[in-house]
């Protein structure tokens, strides 16, 4: 007796359905990304202004913004009634940044900087008002600064943080300060907005910032910002070490060196 078996159903979607899905974009996702892209171009915008920009009804745009906000991709400022890109989008961007050539491009210049100064060289990016260290070339000195990858430091008490803040617009700096405040870590932490603005003005004028034991007592840092194609700070490079080695003469000599390395990394990454 011969037993016949029915053909097993094929797994997965029909080939034609897959092809159709690829050919036709998901309309809701397409609209959401259009709104997010428009929001990124304007940094912040009112609902009505954004609706005009993307040519959609305000009610529709608001629904998309509310969904983006629930996932951290959009923020709403109740005082200004303006929407802006949220930290969720920034974290996604940082994922690309980490796998892009920034870390790789910075390795040789950072190593050279470490050898020239004798101090640990660091690479950091901003995330929600903090600096996140993503790469480091350790000094050969037995007493040296060390940060684990992923370590965070508030921007106002960080050399890289201040170097980046110095090149941001006043509104962006104030937004960061409102969100995170100016907590005190040492006797030298800049805890007043007036003192911080003065320090940022000096950093912008000379092209590098100086963290004078503002996060950790006994540790100093000299930093400079790395820029994108539009001239916006996207990262920073620094040297850090024990305060006793950061004499006035050493700081004056090292600042321009760090600035030069930051400019070199900016050039390598195609900014």
C-alpha atoms as a PDB file:
ATOM      1  CA  UNK A   1       0.000   0.000   0.000  1.00  0.00           C
ATOM      2  CA  UNK A   2       1.298   3.399  -0.902  1.00  0.00           C
ATOM      3  CA  UNK A   3       0.796   6.239   1.492  1.00  0.00           C
ATOM      4  CA  UNK A   4       0.869   9.764   0.044  1.00  0.00           C
ATOM      5  CA  UNK A   5       1.800  12.718   2.174  1.00  0.00           C
ATOM      6  CA  UNK A   6       0.480  16.193   1.532  1.00  0.00           C
ATOM      7  CA  UNK A   7       3.118  18.794   0.703  1.00  0.00           C
ATOM      8  CA  UNK A   8       4.358  20.609   3.781  1.00  0.00           C
ATOM      9  CA  UNK A   9       3.467  24.296   3.824  1.00  0.00           C
ATOM     10  CA  UNK A  10       6.414  26.505   3.052  1.00  0.00           C
ATOM     11  CA  UNK A  11       7.695  28.591   5.897  1.00  0.00           C
ATOM     12  CA  UNK A  12       7.835  32.325   5.767  1.00  0.00           C
ATOM     13  CA  UNK A  13       5.853  34.798   3.776  1.00  0.00           C
ATOM     14  CA  UNK A  14       5.093  34.262   0.107  1.00  0.00           C
ATOM     15  CA  UNK A  15       7.798  35.655  -2.099  1.00  0.00           C
ATOM     16  CA  UNK A  16       5.340  38.029  -3.745  1.00  0.00           C
ATOM     17  CA  UNK A  17       4.232  39.468  -0.386  1.00  0.00           C
ATOM     18  CA  UNK A  18       7.826  40.163   0.609  1.00  0.00           C
ATOM     19  CA  UNK A  19       8.543  41.869  -2.668  1.00  0.00           C
ATOM     20  CA  UNK A  20       5.444  44.004  -2.298  1.00  0.00           C
ATOM     21  CA  UNK A  21       6.445  44.995   1.243  1.00  0.00           C
ATOM     22  CA  UNK A  22       9.844  46.095   0.041  1.00  0.00           C
ATOM     23  CA  UNK A  23       8.371  48.062  -2.829  1.00  0.00           C
ATOM     24  CA  UNK A  24       5.760  49.860  -0.705  1.00  0.00           C
ATOM     25  CA  UNK A  25       7.007  51.900   2.276  1.00  0.00           C
ATOM     26  CA  UNK A  26       5.120  51.754   5.550  1.00  0.00           C
ATOM     27  CA  UNK A  27       3.180  55.009   5.414  1.00  0.00           C
ATOM     28  CA  UNK A  28       3.036  55.639   9.159  1.00  0.00           C
ATOM     29  CA  UNK A  29       6.774  54.996   9.585  1.00  0.00           C
ATOM     30  CA  UNK A  30       7.539  57.132   6.565  1.00  0.00           C
ATOM     31  CA  UNK A  31       5.547  60.041   8.014  1.00  0.00           C
ATOM     32  CA  UNK A  32       7.102  59.658  11.436  1.00  0.00           C
ATOM     33  CA  UNK A  33      10.641  59.735  10.051  1.00  0.00           C
ATOM     34  CA  UNK A  34       9.752  62.735   7.886  1.00  0.00           C
ATOM     35  CA  UNK A  35       8.597  64.619  10.983  1.00  0.00           C
ATOM     36  CA  UNK A  36      11.662  63.567  12.977  1.00  0.00           C
ATOM     37  CA  UNK A  37      13.988  64.684  10.171  1.00  0.00           C
ATOM     38  CA  UNK A  38      12.248  68.058   9.928  1.00  0.00           C
ATOM     39  CA  UNK A  39      12.492  68.466  13.689  1.00  0.00           C
ATOM     40  CA  UNK A  40      16.215  67.732  13.565  1.00  0.00           C
ATOM     41  CA  UNK A  41      16.764  70.404  10.927  1.00  0.00           C
ATOM     42  CA  UNK A  42      15.104  73.067  13.040  1.00  0.00           C
ATOM     43  CA  UNK A  43      16.481  71.945  16.426  1.00  0.00           C
ATOM     44  CA  UNK A  44      13.162  73.012  17.980  1.00  0.00           C
ATOM     45  CA  UNK A  45       9.826  74.100  16.543  1.00  0.00           C
ATOM     46  CA  UNK A  46       6.211  74.731  17.466  1.00  0.00           C
ATOM     47  CA  UNK A  47       3.573  72.261  16.357  1.00  0.00           C
ATOM     48  CA  UNK A  48       2.115  74.665  13.802  1.00  0.00           C
ATOM     49  CA  UNK A  49       5.515  75.500  12.309  1.00  0.00           C
ATOM     50  CA  UNK A  50       6.429  71.836  12.042  1.00  0.00           C
ATOM     51  CA  UNK A  51       3.053  70.983  10.468  1.00  0.00           C
ATOM     52  CA  UNK A  52       3.610  73.631   7.795  1.00  0.00           C
ATOM     53  CA  UNK A  53       7.099  72.315   7.150  1.00  0.00           C
ATOM     54  CA  UNK A  54       5.992  68.719   6.559  1.00  0.00           C
ATOM     55  CA  UNK A  55       2.657  69.724   4.958  1.00  0.00           C
ATOM     56  CA  UNK A  56       0.499  67.651   7.301  1.00  0.00           C
ATOM     57  CA  UNK A  57      -2.452  68.602   9.515  1.00  0.00           C
ATOM     58  CA  UNK A  58      -1.360  69.726  13.011  1.00  0.00           C
ATOM     59  CA  UNK A  59      -3.523  67.028  14.605  1.00  0.00           C
ATOM     60  CA  UNK A  60      -1.725  64.342  12.591  1.00  0.00           C
ATOM     61  CA  UNK A  61       1.704  65.751  13.407  1.00  0.00           C
ATOM     62  CA  UNK A  62       0.796  65.910  17.095  1.00  0.00           C
ATOM     63  CA  UNK A  63      -0.129  62.208  17.145  1.00  0.00           C
ATOM     64  CA  UNK A  64       3.203  61.292  15.603  1.00  0.00           C
ATOM     65  CA  UNK A  65       5.107  63.568  17.978  1.00  0.00           C
ATOM     66  CA  UNK A  66       3.317  62.032  20.963  1.00  0.00           C
ATOM     67  CA  UNK A  67       4.345  58.571  19.769  1.00  0.00           C
ATOM     68  CA  UNK A  68       7.932  59.691  19.207  1.00  0.00           C
ATOM     69  CA  UNK A  69       7.931  61.267  22.668  1.00  0.00           C
ATOM     70  CA  UNK A  70       6.781  58.015  24.284  1.00  0.00           C
ATOM     71  CA  UNK A  71       9.902  56.340  22.879  1.00  0.00           C
ATOM     72  CA  UNK A  72      12.231  59.208  23.779  1.00  0.00           C
ATOM     73  CA  UNK A  73      12.680  60.394  20.196  1.00  0.00           C
ATOM     74  CA  UNK A  74      10.994  63.774  20.775  1.00  0.00           C
ATOM     75  CA  UNK A  75      10.810  66.202  23.699  1.00  0.00           C
ATOM     76  CA  UNK A  76       8.264  68.919  24.460  1.00  0.00           C
ATOM     77  CA  UNK A  77       9.082  72.128  26.360  1.00  0.00           C
ATOM     78  CA  UNK A  78       5.944  73.292  28.116  1.00  0.00           C
ATOM     79  CA  UNK A  79       7.354  76.790  28.663  1.00  0.00           C
ATOM     80  CA  UNK A  80       8.208  77.523  25.043  1.00  0.00           C
ATOM     81  CA  UNK A  81       5.573  75.187  23.549  1.00  0.00           C
ATOM     82  CA  UNK A  82       8.266  73.830  21.246  1.00  0.00           C
ATOM     83  CA  UNK A  83       9.198  70.321  20.236  1.00  0.00           C
ATOM     84  CA  UNK A  84      12.780  69.110  19.826  1.00  0.00           C
ATOM     85  CA  UNK A  85      14.655  65.901  19.095  1.00  0.00           C
ATOM     86  CA  UNK A  86      14.759  63.630  22.148  1.00  0.00           C
ATOM     87  CA  UNK A  87      17.590  61.666  23.679  1.00  0.00           C
ATOM     88  CA  UNK A  88      16.313  58.439  22.111  1.00  0.00           C
ATOM     89  CA  UNK A  89      17.292  59.716  18.681  1.00  0.00           C
ATOM     90  CA  UNK A  90      20.625  60.831  20.080  1.00  0.00           C
ATOM     91  CA  UNK A  91      21.347  57.371  21.470  1.00  0.00           C
ATOM     92  CA  UNK A  92      20.556  55.814  18.106  1.00  0.00           C
ATOM     93  CA  UNK A  93      22.864  58.357  16.483  1.00  0.00           C
ATOM     94  CA  UNK A  94      25.575  57.506  18.982  1.00  0.00           C
ATOM     95  CA  UNK A  95      25.341  53.864  17.948  1.00  0.00           C
ATOM     96  CA  UNK A  96      26.191  54.906  14.414  1.00  0.00           C
ATOM     97  CA  UNK A  97      28.876  57.249  15.706  1.00  0.00           C
ATOM     98  CA  UNK A  98      30.550  54.457  17.634  1.00  0.00           C
ATOM     99  CA  UNK A  99      30.596  52.123  14.669  1.00  0.00           C
ATOM    100  CA  UNK A 100      31.650  54.876  12.286  1.00  0.00           C
ATOM    101  CA  UNK A 101      35.208  56.022  11.886  1.00  0.00           C
ATOM    102  CA  UNK A 102      35.339  58.478  14.800  1.00  0.00           C
ATOM    103  CA  UNK A 103      36.960  56.124  17.317  1.00  0.00           C
ATOM    104  CA  UNK A 104      39.214  54.597  14.681  1.00  0.00           C
ATOM    105  CA  UNK A 105      40.189  57.979  13.256  1.00  0.00           C
ATOM    106  CA  UNK A 106      41.033  59.328  16.700  1.00  0.00           C
ATOM    107  CA  UNK A 107      43.361  56.506  17.762  1.00  0.00           C
ATOM    108  CA  UNK A 108      46.595  57.633  16.078  1.00  0.00           C
ATOM    109  CA  UNK A 109      46.204  61.351  16.946  1.00  0.00           C
ATOM    110  CA  UNK A 110      45.284  60.462  20.541  1.00  0.00           C
ATOM    111  CA  UNK A 111      48.310  58.188  20.891  1.00  0.00           C
ATOM    112  CA  UNK A 112      50.557  60.922  19.566  1.00  0.00           C
ATOM    113  CA  UNK A 113      48.984  63.380  22.005  1.00  0.00           C
ATOM    114  CA  UNK A 114      49.583  60.981  24.899  1.00  0.00           C
ATOM    115  CA  UNK A 115      53.225  60.532  23.879  1.00  0.00           C
ATOM    116  CA  UNK A 116      53.770  64.275  23.500  1.00  0.00           C
ATOM    117  CA  UNK A 117      52.185  65.233  26.814  1.00  0.00           C
ATOM    118  CA  UNK A 118      52.786  62.126  28.884  1.00  0.00           C
ATOM    119  CA  UNK A 119      49.144  62.219  30.005  1.00  0.00           C
ATOM    120  CA  UNK A 120      46.130  60.023  29.278  1.00  0.00           C
ATOM    121  CA  UNK A 121      44.215  60.995  26.129  1.00  0.00           C
ATOM    122  CA  UNK A 122      40.418  60.665  26.096  1.00  0.00           C
ATOM    123  CA  UNK A 123      37.620  60.771  23.522  1.00  0.00           C
ATOM    124  CA  UNK A 124      34.070  61.614  24.576  1.00  0.00           C
ATOM    125  CA  UNK A 125      30.629  62.411  23.198  1.00  0.00           C
ATOM    126  CA  UNK A 126      27.627  64.206  24.730  1.00  0.00           C
ATOM    127  CA  UNK A 127      24.575  62.327  25.947  1.00  0.00           C
ATOM    128  CA  UNK A 128      21.678  63.935  27.840  1.00  0.00           C
ATOM    129  CA  UNK A 129      23.814  66.671  29.400  1.00  0.00           C
ATOM    130  CA  UNK A 130      26.660  64.308  30.234  1.00  0.00           C
ATOM    131  CA  UNK A 131      29.923  63.392  28.569  1.00  0.00           C
ATOM    132  CA  UNK A 132      30.322  59.691  27.833  1.00  0.00           C
ATOM    133  CA  UNK A 133      33.907  58.510  27.386  1.00  0.00           C
ATOM    134  CA  UNK A 134      34.145  56.136  24.434  1.00  0.00           C
ATOM    135  CA  UNK A 135      37.892  55.701  23.956  1.00  0.00           C
ATOM    136  CA  UNK A 136      41.138  56.236  25.850  1.00  0.00           C
ATOM    137  CA  UNK A 137      44.886  55.977  25.353  1.00  0.00           C
ATOM    138  CA  UNK A 138      46.427  55.515  28.789  1.00  0.00           C
ATOM    139  CA  UNK A 139      49.520  57.338  29.912  1.00  0.00           C
ATOM    140  CA  UNK A 140      52.626  55.323  30.711  1.00  0.00           C
ATOM    141  CA  UNK A 141      53.024  57.218  33.976  1.00  0.00           C
ATOM    142  CA  UNK A 142      52.421  55.045  37.047  1.00  0.00           C
ATOM    143  CA  UNK A 143      50.099  57.747  38.436  1.00  0.00           C
ATOM    144  CA  UNK A 144      47.590  58.540  35.729  1.00  0.00           C
ATOM    145  CA  UNK A 145      43.956  59.261  34.960  1.00  0.00           C
ATOM    146  CA  UNK A 146      41.777  56.331  33.938  1.00  0.00           C
ATOM    147  CA  UNK A 147      38.172  56.206  32.707  1.00  0.00           C
ATOM    148  CA  UNK A 148      36.292  53.092  31.733  1.00  0.00           C
ATOM    149  CA  UNK A 149      34.508  53.178  28.382  1.00  0.00           C
ATOM    150  CA  UNK A 150      30.969  54.354  29.075  1.00  0.00           C
ATOM    151  CA  UNK A 151      31.926  56.399  32.141  1.00  0.00           C
ATOM    152  CA  UNK A 152      29.879  59.604  32.403  1.00  0.00           C
ATOM    153  CA  UNK A 153      30.597  63.093  33.671  1.00  0.00           C
ATOM    154  CA  UNK A 154      28.321  66.173  33.812  1.00  0.00           C
ATOM    155  CA  UNK A 155      29.173  68.606  31.027  1.00  0.00           C
ATOM    156  CA  UNK A 156      29.721  71.612  33.304  1.00  0.00           C
ATOM    157  CA  UNK A 157      32.342  69.679  35.310  1.00  0.00           C
ATOM    158  CA  UNK A 158      34.158  68.102  32.385  1.00  0.00           C
ATOM    159  CA  UNK A 159      36.875  69.419  30.123  1.00  0.00           C
ATOM    160  CA  UNK A 160      35.283  67.869  27.042  1.00  0.00           C
ATOM    161  CA  UNK A 161      31.850  68.982  28.220  1.00  0.00           C
ATOM    162  CA  UNK A 162      32.917  72.608  28.574  1.00  0.00           C
ATOM    163  CA  UNK A 163      34.761  72.502  25.245  1.00  0.00           C
ATOM    164  CA  UNK A 164      31.533  71.414  23.537  1.00  0.00           C
ATOM    165  CA  UNK A 165      29.257  73.782  25.475  1.00  0.00           C
ATOM    166  CA  UNK A 166      31.512  76.686  24.478  1.00  0.00           C
ATOM    167  CA  UNK A 167      30.525  76.176  20.835  1.00  0.00           C
ATOM    168  CA  UNK A 168      26.797  75.639  21.334  1.00  0.00           C
ATOM    169  CA  UNK A 169      24.119  78.302  21.114  1.00  0.00           C
ATOM    170  CA  UNK A 170      22.979  80.069  24.251  1.00  0.00           C
ATOM    171  CA  UNK A 171      19.556  78.400  24.158  1.00  0.00           C
ATOM    172  CA  UNK A 172      21.073  74.910  23.959  1.00  0.00           C
ATOM    173  CA  UNK A 173      23.413  75.594  26.865  1.00  0.00           C
ATOM    174  CA  UNK A 174      20.584  76.981  28.980  1.00  0.00           C
ATOM    175  CA  UNK A 175      18.425  73.948  28.172  1.00  0.00           C
ATOM    176  CA  UNK A 176      21.218  71.656  29.390  1.00  0.00           C
ATOM    177  CA  UNK A 177      21.653  73.674  32.566  1.00  0.00           C
ATOM    178  CA  UNK A 178      17.908  73.643  33.266  1.00  0.00           C
ATOM    179  CA  UNK A 179      17.753  69.903  32.840  1.00  0.00           C
ATOM    180  CA  UNK A 180      20.789  68.994  34.917  1.00  0.00           C
ATOM    181  CA  UNK A 181      21.627  72.017  37.048  1.00  0.00           C
ATOM    182  CA  UNK A 182      25.145  72.783  38.264  1.00  0.00           C
ATOM    183  CA  UNK A 183      25.798  70.242  41.026  1.00  0.00           C
ATOM    184  CA  UNK A 184      28.907  70.683  43.121  1.00  0.00           C
ATOM    185  CA  UNK A 185      31.559  67.954  43.147  1.00  0.00           C
ATOM    186  CA  UNK A 186      34.617  69.756  44.530  1.00  0.00           C
ATOM    187  CA  UNK A 187      35.475  73.173  45.942  1.00  0.00           C
ATOM    188  CA  UNK A 188      36.422  74.239  42.412  1.00  0.00           C
ATOM    189  CA  UNK A 189      33.264  73.129  40.582  1.00  0.00           C
ATOM    190  CA  UNK A 190      31.648  75.995  38.674  1.00  0.00           C
ATOM    191  CA  UNK A 191      28.236  76.122  40.342  1.00  0.00           C
ATOM    192  CA  UNK A 192      27.062  79.561  39.184  1.00  0.00           C
ATOM    193  CA  UNK A 193      25.889  80.324  35.653  1.00  0.00           C
ATOM    194  CA  UNK A 194      27.920  83.541  35.606  1.00  0.00           C
ATOM    195  CA  UNK A 195      31.165  81.709  36.393  1.00  0.00           C
ATOM    196  CA  UNK A 196      30.402  79.003  33.843  1.00  0.00           C
ATOM    197  CA  UNK A 197      29.566  81.501  31.065  1.00  0.00           C
ATOM    198  CA  UNK A 198      32.832  83.341  31.708  1.00  0.00           C
ATOM    199  CA  UNK A 199      34.765  80.092  31.557  1.00  0.00           C
ATOM    200  CA  UNK A 200      33.011  79.030  28.351  1.00  0.00           C
ATOM    201  CA  UNK A 201      33.822  82.389  26.747  1.00  0.00           C
ATOM    202  CA  UNK A 202      37.511  81.875  27.525  1.00  0.00           C
ATOM    203  CA  UNK A 203      37.403  78.325  26.192  1.00  0.00           C
ATOM    204  CA  UNK A 204      35.771  79.413  22.936  1.00  0.00           C
ATOM    205  CA  UNK A 205      38.244  82.265  22.415  1.00  0.00           C
ATOM    206  CA  UNK A 206      41.361  80.097  22.771  1.00  0.00           C
ATOM    207  CA  UNK A 207      39.916  76.867  21.329  1.00  0.00           C
ATOM    208  CA  UNK A 208      40.350  74.654  24.386  1.00  0.00           C
ATOM    209  CA  UNK A 209      38.909  74.298  27.886  1.00  0.00           C
ATOM    210  CA  UNK A 210      40.497  73.593  31.258  1.00  0.00           C
ATOM    211  CA  UNK A 211      38.953  71.444  33.974  1.00  0.00           C
ATOM    212  CA  UNK A 212      40.791  72.583  37.094  1.00  0.00           C
ATOM    213  CA  UNK A 213      39.879  69.846  39.604  1.00  0.00           C
ATOM    214  CA  UNK A 214      36.190  70.568  38.999  1.00  0.00           C
ATOM    215  CA  UNK A 215      34.953  66.959  38.985  1.00  0.00           C
ATOM    216  CA  UNK A 216      37.638  65.152  40.978  1.00  0.00           C
ATOM    217  CA  UNK A 217      39.966  66.779  43.500  1.00  0.00           C
ATOM    218  CA  UNK A 218      43.552  66.341  42.376  1.00  0.00           C
ATOM    219  CA  UNK A 219      42.732  65.743  38.703  1.00  0.00           C
ATOM    220  CA  UNK A 220      42.863  68.210  35.800  1.00  0.00           C
ATOM    221  CA  UNK A 221      41.905  68.030  32.141  1.00  0.00           C
ATOM    222  CA  UNK A 222      42.517  70.048  28.971  1.00  0.00           C
ATOM    223  CA  UNK A 223      40.056  69.496  26.105  1.00  0.00           C
ATOM    224  CA  UNK A 224      38.996  70.687  22.672  1.00  0.00           C
ATOM    225  CA  UNK A 225      35.887  70.038  20.594  1.00  0.00           C
ATOM    226  CA  UNK A 226      35.559  67.940  17.440  1.00  0.00           C
ATOM    227  CA  UNK A 227      33.104  69.324  14.852  1.00  0.00           C
ATOM    228  CA  UNK A 228      30.808  67.996  12.145  1.00  0.00           C
ATOM    229  CA  UNK A 229      30.390  69.351   8.610  1.00  0.00           C
ATOM    230  CA  UNK A 230      28.058  72.072   9.842  1.00  0.00           C
ATOM    231  CA  UNK A 231      30.508  73.315  12.446  1.00  0.00           C
ATOM    232  CA  UNK A 232      28.614  71.825  15.376  1.00  0.00           C
ATOM    233  CA  UNK A 233      30.515  70.104  18.213  1.00  0.00           C
ATOM    234  CA  UNK A 234      29.870  66.346  18.129  1.00  0.00           C
ATOM    235  CA  UNK A 235      32.659  65.061  20.347  1.00  0.00           C
ATOM    236  CA  UNK A 236      35.785  66.143  22.163  1.00  0.00           C
ATOM    237  CA  UNK A 237      39.339  65.036  22.872  1.00  0.00           C
ATOM    238  CA  UNK A 238      41.272  65.701  26.052  1.00  0.00           C
ATOM    239  CA  UNK A 239      44.323  64.915  28.146  1.00  0.00           C
ATOM    240  CA  UNK A 240      43.883  64.345  31.866  1.00  0.00           C
ATOM    241  CA  UNK A 241      46.125  63.623  34.815  1.00  0.00           C
ATOM    242  CA  UNK A 242      47.179  64.567  38.347  1.00  0.00           C
ATOM    243  CA  UNK A 243      46.815  68.256  39.178  1.00  0.00           C
ATOM    244  CA  UNK A 244      50.432  68.590  40.334  1.00  0.00           C
ATOM    245  CA  UNK A 245      51.621  67.964  36.771  1.00  0.00           C
ATOM    246  CA  UNK A 246      49.212  70.530  35.278  1.00  0.00           C
ATOM    247  CA  UNK A 247      51.271  73.618  36.034  1.00  0.00           C
ATOM    248  CA  UNK A 248      50.429  76.968  34.463  1.00  0.00           C
ATOM    249  CA  UNK A 249      53.262  76.505  31.972  1.00  0.00           C
ATOM    250  CA  UNK A 250      52.168  72.976  31.101  1.00  0.00           C
ATOM    251  CA  UNK A 251      48.547  74.034  30.565  1.00  0.00           C
ATOM    252  CA  UNK A 252      49.551  76.958  28.324  1.00  0.00           C
ATOM    253  CA  UNK A 253      51.754  74.655  26.242  1.00  0.00           C
ATOM    254  CA  UNK A 254      49.349  71.712  26.076  1.00  0.00           C
ATOM    255  CA  UNK A 255      46.131  73.587  25.257  1.00  0.00           C
ATOM    256  CA  UNK A 256      47.149  74.397  21.650  1.00  0.00           C
ATOM    257  CA  UNK A 257      48.375  70.813  21.215  1.00  0.00           C
ATOM    258  CA  UNK A 258      44.976  69.412  22.187  1.00  0.00           C
ATOM    259  CA  UNK A 259      43.271  71.927  19.899  1.00  0.00           C
ATOM    260  CA  UNK A 260      45.468  70.822  17.004  1.00  0.00           C
ATOM    261  CA  UNK A 261      44.674  67.150  17.575  1.00  0.00           C
ATOM    262  CA  UNK A 262      40.923  67.908  17.741  1.00  0.00           C
ATOM    263  CA  UNK A 263      41.186  69.731  14.415  1.00  0.00           C
ATOM    264  CA  UNK A 264      43.086  66.768  12.947  1.00  0.00           C
ATOM    265  CA  UNK A 265      40.370  64.332  14.038  1.00  0.00           C
ATOM    266  CA  UNK A 266      37.717  66.663  12.627  1.00  0.00           C
ATOM    267  CA  UNK A 267      39.524  66.592   9.298  1.00  0.00           C
ATOM    268  CA  UNK A 268      39.983  62.821   9.261  1.00  0.00           C
ATOM    269  CA  UNK A 269      36.325  62.140   9.972  1.00  0.00           C
ATOM    270  CA  UNK A 270      35.344  64.287   6.998  1.00  0.00           C
ATOM    271  CA  UNK A 271      33.831  67.200   8.909  1.00  0.00           C
END
